[in-house]
Amino acid sequence: MKLLRYCVLALPLLLAGCLEVDQHPEWLHGKYAGKEDNRHFQTRFHSDRLAWSAAVQDRGMKQNEYNRANP
């Protein structure tokens, strides 16, 4: 009975390390083998970097309390 109790208590400790998954990307011939991520200006602004930059700056200006509070 005691042996069974110790085995049941030890089981989570033994299985805790079994579920670790390798989280590093694979490399083939010295290069990353996965899909490259698209940038925001490539997906939402059709690769127009200036339009993306203007949208980010405009959003920042609307969050500025000094610009919103002045009459």
C-alpha atoms as a PDB file:
ATOM      1  CA  MET A   1       0.000   0.000   0.000  1.00  0.00           C
ATOM      2  CA  LYS A   2       2.809   2.418   0.904  1.00  0.00           C
ATOM      3  CA  LEU A   3       4.786   1.426  -2.177  1.00  0.00           C
ATOM      4  CA  LEU A   4       1.791   2.174  -4.387  1.00  0.00           C
ATOM      5  CA  ARG A   5       1.366   5.578  -2.749  1.00  0.00           C
ATOM      6  CA  TYR A   6       5.038   6.438  -3.349  1.00  0.00           C
ATOM      7  CA  CYS A   7       4.810   5.295  -6.953  1.00  0.00           C
ATOM      8  CA  VAL A   8       1.736   7.454  -7.539  1.00  0.00           C
ATOM      9  CA  LEU A   9       3.475  10.458  -5.984  1.00  0.00           C
ATOM     10  CA  ALA A  10       6.678   9.878  -7.989  1.00  0.00           C
ATOM     11  CA  LEU A  11       4.896   9.447 -11.336  1.00  0.00           C
ATOM     12  CA  PRO A  12       4.350  13.208 -12.020  1.00  0.00           C
ATOM     13  CA  LEU A  13       7.988  13.894 -11.191  1.00  0.00           C
ATOM     14  CA  LEU A  14       9.157  11.243 -13.626  1.00  0.00           C
ATOM     15  CA  LEU A  15       6.855  12.428 -16.417  1.00  0.00           C
ATOM     16  CA  ALA A  16       7.525  16.152 -15.967  1.00  0.00           C
ATOM     17  CA  GLY A  17      10.504  16.193 -18.337  1.00  0.00           C
ATOM     18  CA  CYS A  18       9.058  13.854 -20.957  1.00  0.00           C
ATOM     19  CA  LEU A  19       6.878  16.446 -22.665  1.00  0.00           C
ATOM     20  CA  GLU A  20       9.612  18.941 -23.554  1.00  0.00           C
ATOM     21  CA  VAL A  21       9.590  19.765 -27.247  1.00  0.00           C
ATOM     22  CA  ASP A  22      12.608  21.076 -29.141  1.00  0.00           C
ATOM     23  CA  GLN A  23      11.885  24.763 -29.735  1.00  0.00           C
ATOM     24  CA  HIS A  24      14.841  25.713 -31.916  1.00  0.00           C
ATOM     25  CA  PRO A  25      14.357  26.155 -35.668  1.00  0.00           C
ATOM     26  CA  GLU A  26      16.045  23.752 -37.984  1.00  0.00           C
ATOM     27  CA  TRP A  27      19.009  24.847 -40.067  1.00  0.00           C
ATOM     28  CA  LEU A  28      19.975  23.373 -43.427  1.00  0.00           C
ATOM     29  CA  HIS A  29      23.298  24.246 -45.070  1.00  0.00           C
ATOM     30  CA  GLY A  30      23.852  27.098 -42.616  1.00  0.00           C
ATOM     31  CA  LYS A  31      20.501  28.798 -43.351  1.00  0.00           C
ATOM     32  CA  TYR A  32      17.147  28.863 -41.595  1.00  0.00           C
ATOM     33  CA  ALA A  33      14.936  26.185 -43.109  1.00  0.00           C
ATOM     34  CA  GLY A  34      11.577  27.689 -42.117  1.00  0.00           C
ATOM     35  CA  LYS A  35       9.255  30.190 -43.709  1.00  0.00           C
ATOM     36  CA  GLU A  36      10.275  33.825 -43.389  1.00  0.00           C
ATOM     37  CA  ASP A  37       7.771  36.082 -41.676  1.00  0.00           C
ATOM     38  CA  ASN A  38       6.246  38.918 -43.665  1.00  0.00           C
ATOM     39  CA  ARG A  39       6.647  42.436 -42.308  1.00  0.00           C
ATOM     40  CA  HIS A  40       3.646  44.604 -41.519  1.00  0.00           C
ATOM     41  CA  PHE A  41       4.255  46.921 -44.434  1.00  0.00           C
ATOM     42  CA  GLN A  42       4.437  43.941 -46.792  1.00  0.00           C
ATOM     43  CA  THR A  43       1.103  42.415 -45.819  1.00  0.00           C
ATOM     44  CA  ARG A  44      -1.090  45.397 -44.920  1.00  0.00           C
ATOM     45  CA  PHE A  45       0.384  48.187 -47.031  1.00  0.00           C
ATOM     46  CA  HIS A  46       1.335  46.264 -50.209  1.00  0.00           C
ATOM     47  CA  SER A  47       5.091  46.705 -49.555  1.00  0.00           C
ATOM     48  CA  ASP A  48       4.764  50.499 -49.260  1.00  0.00           C
ATOM     49  CA  ARG A  49       7.123  51.323 -46.425  1.00  0.00           C
ATOM     50  CA  LEU A  50       6.381  55.064 -46.456  1.00  0.00           C
ATOM     51  CA  ALA A  51       2.627  54.516 -46.074  1.00  0.00           C
ATOM     52  CA  TRP A  52       3.267  52.157 -43.188  1.00  0.00           C
ATOM     53  CA  SER A  53       5.601  54.669 -41.523  1.00  0.00           C
ATOM     54  CA  ALA A  54       3.051  57.475 -41.983  1.00  0.00           C
ATOM     55  CA  ALA A  55       0.299  55.334 -40.445  1.00  0.00           C
ATOM     56  CA  VAL A  56       2.471  54.511 -37.433  1.00  0.00           C
ATOM     57  CA  GLN A  57       3.428  58.157 -36.904  1.00  0.00           C
ATOM     58  CA  ASP A  58      -0.197  59.280 -37.297  1.00  0.00           C
ATOM     59  CA  ARG A  59      -1.306  56.734 -34.728  1.00  0.00           C
ATOM     60  CA  GLY A  60       1.395  57.997 -32.367  1.00  0.00           C
ATOM     61  CA  MET A  61       0.257  61.595 -32.793  1.00  0.00           C
ATOM     62  CA  LYS A  62      -3.337  60.669 -31.938  1.00  0.00           C
ATOM     63  CA  GLN A  63      -2.131  59.091 -28.708  1.00  0.00           C
ATOM     64  CA  ASN A  64      -0.196  62.208 -27.686  1.00  0.00           C
ATOM     65  CA  GLU A  65      -2.037  64.007 -24.892  1.00  0.00           C
ATOM     66  CA  TYR A  66      -0.406  67.355 -25.700  1.00  0.00           C
ATOM     67  CA  ASN A  67      -1.847  67.336 -29.214  1.00  0.00           C
ATOM     68  CA  ARG A  68      -5.320  66.269 -28.073  1.00  0.00           C
ATOM     69  CA  ALA A  69      -5.601  68.646 -25.098  1.00  0.00           C
ATOM     70  CA  ASN A  70      -4.693  71.911 -26.851  1.00  0.00           C
ATOM     71  CA  PRO A  71      -7.736  73.892 -27.992  1.00  0.00           C
END
